[in-house]
Amino acid sequence: VDACATYGIFPYWGPFGDIRDTVA
């Protein structure tokens, strides 16, 4: 996040693999 903010681009979380665990 810090690196992206420094260079004016956007950070994202990637995959969450347990499709059934919608709470987590």
PDB file of all heavy atoms in Angstrom:
ATOM      1  N   VAL A   1       0.832  -1.200   0.000  1.00  0.00           N
ATOM      2  CA  VAL A   1       0.000   0.000   0.000  1.00  0.00           C
ATOM      3  C   VAL A   1       0.874   1.260   0.000  1.00  0.00           C
ATOM      4  O   VAL A   1       0.610   2.219  -0.746  1.00  0.00           O
ATOM      5  CB  VAL A   1      -0.958  -0.006   1.201  1.00  0.00           C
ATOM      6  CG1 VAL A   1      -1.630   1.356   1.383  1.00  0.00           C
ATOM      7  CG2 VAL A   1      -2.025  -1.092   1.024  1.00  0.00           C
ATOM      8  N   ASP A   2       1.913   1.274   0.812  1.00  0.00           N
ATOM      9  CA  ASP A   2       2.805   2.440   0.865  1.00  0.00           C
ATOM     10  C   ASP A   2       3.483   2.674  -0.475  1.00  0.00           C
ATOM     11  O   ASP A   2       3.587   3.813  -0.956  1.00  0.00           O
ATOM     12  CB  ASP A   2       3.865   2.251   1.951  1.00  0.00           C
ATOM     13  CG  ASP A   2       3.324   2.504   3.351  1.00  0.00           C
ATOM     14  OD1 ASP A   2       2.218   3.053   3.465  1.00  0.00           O
ATOM     15  OD2 ASP A   2       4.018   2.154   4.317  1.00  0.00           O
ATOM     16  N   ALA A   3       3.956   1.604  -1.101  1.00  0.00           N
ATOM     17  CA  ALA A   3       4.637   1.746  -2.392  1.00  0.00           C
ATOM     18  C   ALA A   3       3.687   2.273  -3.456  1.00  0.00           C
ATOM     19  O   ALA A   3       4.038   3.145  -4.251  1.00  0.00           O
ATOM     20  CB  ALA A   3       5.229   0.402  -2.815  1.00  0.00           C
ATOM     21  N   CYS A   4       2.463   1.745  -3.467  1.00  0.00           N
ATOM     22  CA  CYS A   4       1.483   2.200  -4.454  1.00  0.00           C
ATOM     23  C   CYS A   4       1.119   3.666  -4.232  1.00  0.00           C
ATOM     24  O   CYS A   4       1.018   4.446  -5.192  1.00  0.00           O
ATOM     25  CB  CYS A   4       0.231   1.331  -4.397  1.00  0.00           C
ATOM     26  SG  CYS A   4       0.434  -0.324  -5.080  1.00  0.00           S
ATOM     27  N   ALA A   5       0.912   4.059  -2.971  1.00  0.00           N
ATOM     28  CA  ALA A   5       0.567   5.449  -2.677  1.00  0.00           C
ATOM     29  C   ALA A   5       1.696   6.386  -3.088  1.00  0.00           C
ATOM     30  O   ALA A   5       1.461   7.488  -3.608  1.00  0.00           O
ATOM     31  CB  ALA A   5       0.257   5.612  -1.189  1.00  0.00           C
ATOM     32  N   THR A   6       2.927   5.950  -2.876  1.00  0.00           N
ATOM     33  CA  THR A   6       4.080   6.774  -3.237  1.00  0.00           C
ATOM     34  C   THR A   6       4.117   7.062  -4.735  1.00  0.00           C
ATOM     35  O   THR A   6       4.461   8.179  -5.157  1.00  0.00           O
ATOM     36  CB  THR A   6       5.386   6.077  -2.813  1.00  0.00           C
ATOM     37  OG1 THR A   6       5.386   5.905  -1.394  1.00  0.00           O
ATOM     38  CG2 THR A   6       6.611   6.886  -3.222  1.00  0.00           C
ATOM     39  N   TYR A   7       3.748   6.073  -5.545  1.00  0.00           N
ATOM     40  CA  TYR A   7       3.860   6.210  -7.002  1.00  0.00           C
ATOM     41  C   TYR A   7       2.521   6.472  -7.691  1.00  0.00           C
ATOM     42  O   TYR A   7       2.440   6.442  -8.921  1.00  0.00           O
ATOM     43  CB  TYR A   7       4.532   4.965  -7.587  1.00  0.00           C
ATOM     44  CG  TYR A   7       6.010   4.944  -7.295  1.00  0.00           C
ATOM     45  CD1 TYR A   7       6.512   4.309  -6.169  1.00  0.00           C
ATOM     46  CD2 TYR A   7       6.914   5.605  -8.117  1.00  0.00           C
ATOM     47  CE1 TYR A   7       7.864   4.314  -5.863  1.00  0.00           C
ATOM     48  CE2 TYR A   7       8.265   5.610  -7.836  1.00  0.00           C
ATOM     49  CZ  TYR A   7       8.738   4.967  -6.706  1.00  0.00           C
ATOM     50  OH  TYR A   7      10.086   4.986  -6.417  1.00  0.00           O
ATOM     51  N   GLY A   8       1.467   6.724  -6.926  1.00  0.00           N
ATOM     52  CA  GLY A   8       0.196   7.113  -7.524  1.00  0.00           C
ATOM     53  C   GLY A   8      -0.506   6.005  -8.265  1.00  0.00           C
ATOM     54  O   GLY A   8      -1.207   6.265  -9.263  1.00  0.00           O
ATOM     55  N   ILE A   9      -0.332   4.756  -7.801  1.00  0.00           N
ATOM     56  CA  ILE A   9      -1.045   3.634  -8.415  1.00  0.00           C
ATOM     57  C   ILE A   9      -1.862   2.939  -7.320  1.00  0.00           C
ATOM     58  O   ILE A   9      -1.850   3.359  -6.166  1.00  0.00           O
ATOM     59  CB  ILE A   9      -0.088   2.667  -9.133  1.00  0.00           C
ATOM     60  CG1 ILE A   9       0.865   1.990  -8.125  1.00  0.00           C
ATOM     61  CG2 ILE A   9       0.718   3.422 -10.184  1.00  0.00           C
ATOM     62  CD1 ILE A   9       1.778   0.961  -8.772  1.00  0.00           C
ATOM     63  N   PHE A  10      -2.574   1.848  -7.668  1.00  0.00           N
ATOM     64  CA  PHE A  10      -3.585   1.307  -6.773  1.00  0.00           C
ATOM     65  C   PHE A  10      -3.242  -0.092  -6.270  1.00  0.00           C
ATOM     66  O   PHE A  10      -2.877  -0.972  -7.056  1.00  0.00           O
ATOM     67  CB  PHE A  10      -4.937   1.277  -7.476  1.00  0.00           C
ATOM     68  CG  PHE A  10      -5.392   2.643  -7.930  1.00  0.00           C
ATOM     69  CD1 PHE A  10      -5.478   2.959  -9.277  1.00  0.00           C
ATOM     70  CD2 PHE A  10      -5.724   3.615  -6.998  1.00  0.00           C
ATOM     71  CE1 PHE A  10      -5.887   4.222  -9.689  1.00  0.00           C
ATOM     72  CE2 PHE A  10      -6.134   4.870  -7.390  1.00  0.00           C
ATOM     73  CZ  PHE A  10      -6.209   5.185  -8.751  1.00  0.00           C
ATOM     74  N   PRO A  11      -3.410  -0.326  -4.951  1.00  0.00           N
ATOM     75  CA  PRO A  11      -3.168  -1.655  -4.379  1.00  0.00           C
ATOM     76  C   PRO A  11      -4.454  -2.467  -4.247  1.00  0.00           C
ATOM     77  O   PRO A  11      -5.527  -1.925  -3.983  1.00  0.00           O
ATOM     78  CB  PRO A  11      -2.601  -1.315  -2.990  1.00  0.00           C
ATOM     79  CG  PRO A  11      -3.299  -0.035  -2.609  1.00  0.00           C
ATOM     80  CD  PRO A  11      -3.582   0.707  -3.905  1.00  0.00           C
ATOM     81  N   TYR A  12      -4.316  -3.791  -4.411  1.00  0.00           N
ATOM     82  CA  TYR A  12      -5.449  -4.713  -4.326  1.00  0.00           C
ATOM     83  C   TYR A  12      -5.055  -5.950  -3.524  1.00  0.00           C
ATOM     84  O   TYR A  12      -3.922  -6.426  -3.616  1.00  0.00           O
ATOM     85  CB  TYR A  12      -5.878  -5.214  -5.719  1.00  0.00           C
ATOM     86  CG  TYR A  12      -6.352  -4.152  -6.664  1.00  0.00           C
ATOM     87  CD1 TYR A  12      -5.457  -3.277  -7.282  1.00  0.00           C
ATOM     88  CD2 TYR A  12      -7.700  -4.016  -6.978  1.00  0.00           C
ATOM     89  CE1 TYR A  12      -5.885  -2.299  -8.162  1.00  0.00           C
ATOM     90  CE2 TYR A  12      -8.147  -3.051  -7.866  1.00  0.00           C
ATOM     91  CZ  TYR A  12      -7.233  -2.192  -8.450  1.00  0.00           C
ATOM     92  OH  TYR A  12      -7.656  -1.229  -9.325  1.00  0.00           O
ATOM     93  N   TRP A  13      -6.017  -6.470  -2.758  1.00  0.00           N
ATOM     94  CA  TRP A  13      -5.849  -7.808  -2.228  1.00  0.00           C
ATOM     95  C   TRP A  13      -6.098  -8.786  -3.367  1.00  0.00           C
ATOM     96  O   TRP A  13      -6.890  -8.506  -4.278  1.00  0.00           O
ATOM     97  CB  TRP A  13      -6.832  -8.080  -1.083  1.00  0.00           C
ATOM     98  CG  TRP A  13      -6.738  -9.511  -0.623  1.00  0.00           C
ATOM     99  CD1 TRP A  13      -7.600 -10.532  -0.916  1.00  0.00           C
ATOM    100  CD2 TRP A  13      -5.690 -10.087   0.148  1.00  0.00           C
ATOM    101  NE1 TRP A  13      -7.177 -11.707  -0.364  1.00  0.00           N
ATOM    102  CE2 TRP A  13      -5.981 -11.458   0.305  1.00  0.00           C
ATOM    103  CE3 TRP A  13      -4.519  -9.584   0.734  1.00  0.00           C
ATOM    104  CZ2 TRP A  13      -5.160 -12.332   1.014  1.00  0.00           C
ATOM    105  CZ3 TRP A  13      -3.710 -10.457   1.453  1.00  0.00           C
ATOM    106  CH2 TRP A  13      -4.035 -11.805   1.579  1.00  0.00           C
ATOM    107  N   GLY A  14      -5.434  -9.931  -3.324  1.00  0.00           N
ATOM    108  CA  GLY A  14      -5.605 -10.934  -4.369  1.00  0.00           C
ATOM    109  C   GLY A  14      -6.714 -11.923  -4.065  1.00  0.00           C
ATOM    110  O   GLY A  14      -7.805 -11.546  -3.650  1.00  0.00           O
ATOM    111  N   PRO A  15      -6.456 -13.225  -4.215  1.00  0.00           N
ATOM    112  CA  PRO A  15      -7.525 -14.221  -4.058  1.00  0.00           C
ATOM    113  C   PRO A  15      -7.766 -14.616  -2.617  1.00  0.00           C
ATOM    114  O   PRO A  15      -6.864 -14.592  -1.774  1.00  0.00           O
ATOM    115  CB  PRO A  15      -6.981 -15.416  -4.850  1.00  0.00           C
ATOM    116  CG  PRO A  15      -5.494 -15.304  -4.696  1.00  0.00           C
ATOM    117  CD  PRO A  15      -5.197 -13.832  -4.724  1.00  0.00           C
ATOM    118  N   PHE A  16      -9.004 -15.005  -2.348  1.00  0.00           N
ATOM    119  CA  PHE A  16      -9.356 -15.701  -1.112  1.00  0.00           C
ATOM    120  C   PHE A  16      -9.932 -17.036  -1.544  1.00  0.00           C
ATOM    121  O   PHE A  16     -10.996 -17.092  -2.168  1.00  0.00           O
ATOM    122  CB  PHE A  16     -10.359 -14.911  -0.274  1.00  0.00           C
ATOM    123  CG  PHE A  16     -10.603 -15.510   1.078  1.00  0.00           C
ATOM    124  CD1 PHE A  16      -9.787 -15.202   2.145  1.00  0.00           C
ATOM    125  CD2 PHE A  16     -11.633 -16.426   1.273  1.00  0.00           C
ATOM    126  CE1 PHE A  16      -9.980 -15.777   3.395  1.00  0.00           C
ATOM    127  CE2 PHE A  16     -11.842 -17.006   2.509  1.00  0.00           C
ATOM    128  CZ  PHE A  16     -11.012 -16.686   3.576  1.00  0.00           C
ATOM    129  N   GLY A  17      -9.211 -18.113  -1.238  1.00  0.00           N
ATOM    130  CA  GLY A  17      -9.495 -19.386  -1.880  1.00  0.00           C
ATOM    131  C   GLY A  17     -10.668 -20.176  -1.354  1.00  0.00           C
ATOM    132  O   GLY A  17     -11.230 -21.000  -2.082  1.00  0.00           O
ATOM    133  N   ASP A  18     -11.070 -19.965  -0.109  1.00  0.00           N
ATOM    134  CA  ASP A  18     -12.167 -20.755   0.454  1.00  0.00           C
ATOM    135  C   ASP A  18     -13.495 -20.095   0.099  1.00  0.00           C
ATOM    136  O   ASP A  18     -13.996 -19.238   0.823  1.00  0.00           O
ATOM    137  CB  ASP A  18     -12.003 -20.872   1.976  1.00  0.00           C
ATOM    138  CG  ASP A  18     -12.946 -21.906   2.589  1.00  0.00           C
ATOM    139  OD1 ASP A  18     -13.927 -22.298   1.903  1.00  0.00           O
ATOM    140  OD2 ASP A  18     -12.717 -22.316   3.739  1.00  0.00           O
ATOM    141  N   ILE A  19     -14.057 -20.518  -1.006  1.00  0.00           N
ATOM    142  CA  ILE A  19     -15.280 -19.894  -1.523  1.00  0.00           C
ATOM    143  C   ILE A  19     -16.427 -20.021  -0.524  1.00  0.00           C
ATOM    144  O   ILE A  19     -17.272 -19.131  -0.386  1.00  0.00           O
ATOM    145  CB  ILE A  19     -15.692 -20.534  -2.870  1.00  0.00           C
ATOM    146  CG1 ILE A  19     -14.548 -20.437  -3.884  1.00  0.00           C
ATOM    147  CG2 ILE A  19     -16.950 -19.872  -3.408  1.00  0.00           C
ATOM    148  CD1 ILE A  19     -14.107 -19.041  -4.213  1.00  0.00           C
ATOM    149  N   ARG A  20     -16.477 -21.126   0.220  1.00  0.00           N
ATOM    150  CA  ARG A  20     -17.594 -21.372   1.142  1.00  0.00           C
ATOM    151  C   ARG A  20     -17.522 -20.493   2.383  1.00  0.00           C
ATOM    152  O   ARG A  20     -18.558 -20.206   2.993  1.00  0.00           O
ATOM    153  CB  ARG A  20     -17.612 -22.842   1.551  1.00  0.00           C
ATOM    154  CG  ARG A  20     -17.884 -23.808   0.408  1.00  0.00           C
ATOM    155  CD  ARG A  20     -17.618 -25.228   0.843  1.00  0.00           C
ATOM    156  NE  ARG A  20     -16.215 -25.409   1.244  1.00  0.00           N
ATOM    157  CZ  ARG A  20     -15.713 -26.536   1.710  1.00  0.00           C
ATOM    158  NH1 ARG A  20     -16.497 -27.591   1.846  1.00  0.00           N
ATOM    159  NH2 ARG A  20     -14.439 -26.625   2.052  1.00  0.00           N
ATOM    160  N   ASP A  21     -16.334 -20.076   2.770  1.00  0.00           N
ATOM    161  CA  ASP A  21     -16.181 -19.296   4.003  1.00  0.00           C
ATOM    162  C   ASP A  21     -16.349 -17.806   3.685  1.00  0.00           C
ATOM    163  O   ASP A  21     -15.388 -17.046   3.612  1.00  0.00           O
ATOM    164  CB  ASP A  21     -14.816 -19.566   4.631  1.00  0.00           C
ATOM    165  CG  ASP A  21     -14.720 -19.030   6.062  1.00  0.00           C
ATOM    166  OD1 ASP A  21     -15.636 -18.278   6.479  1.00  0.00           O
ATOM    167  OD2 ASP A  21     -13.734 -19.347   6.756  1.00  0.00           O
ATOM    168  N   THR A  22     -17.587 -17.410   3.527  1.00  0.00           N
ATOM    169  CA  THR A  22     -17.864 -16.021   3.162  1.00  0.00           C
ATOM    170  C   THR A  22     -17.573 -15.057   4.310  1.00  0.00           C
ATOM    171  O   THR A  22     -17.259 -13.888   4.072  1.00  0.00           O
ATOM    172  CB  THR A  22     -19.326 -15.864   2.715  1.00  0.00           C
ATOM    173  OG1 THR A  22     -20.190 -16.345   3.747  1.00  0.00           O
ATOM    174  CG2 THR A  22     -19.583 -16.651   1.428  1.00  0.00           C
ATOM    175  N   VAL A  23     -17.643 -15.542   5.546  1.00  0.00           N
ATOM    176  CA  VAL A  23     -17.364 -14.675   6.698  1.00  0.00           C
ATOM    177  C   VAL A  23     -15.887 -14.284   6.719  1.00  0.00           C
ATOM    178  O   VAL A  23     -15.535 -13.110   6.834  1.00  0.00           O
ATOM    179  CB  VAL A  23     -17.766 -15.372   8.009  1.00  0.00           C
ATOM    180  CG1 VAL A  23     -17.314 -14.541   9.210  1.00  0.00           C
ATOM    181  CG2 VAL A  23     -19.267 -15.593   8.059  1.00  0.00           C
ATOM    182  N   ALA A  24     -14.998 -15.283   6.610  1.00  0.00           N
ATOM    183  CA  ALA A  24     -13.567 -14.996   6.616  1.00  0.00           C
ATOM    184  C   ALA A  24     -13.154 -14.216   5.368  1.00  0.00           C
ATOM    185  O   ALA A  24     -12.251 -13.371   5.425  1.00  0.00           O
ATOM    186  CB  ALA A  24     -12.768 -16.296   6.718  1.00  0.00           C
TER     187      ALA A  24
END
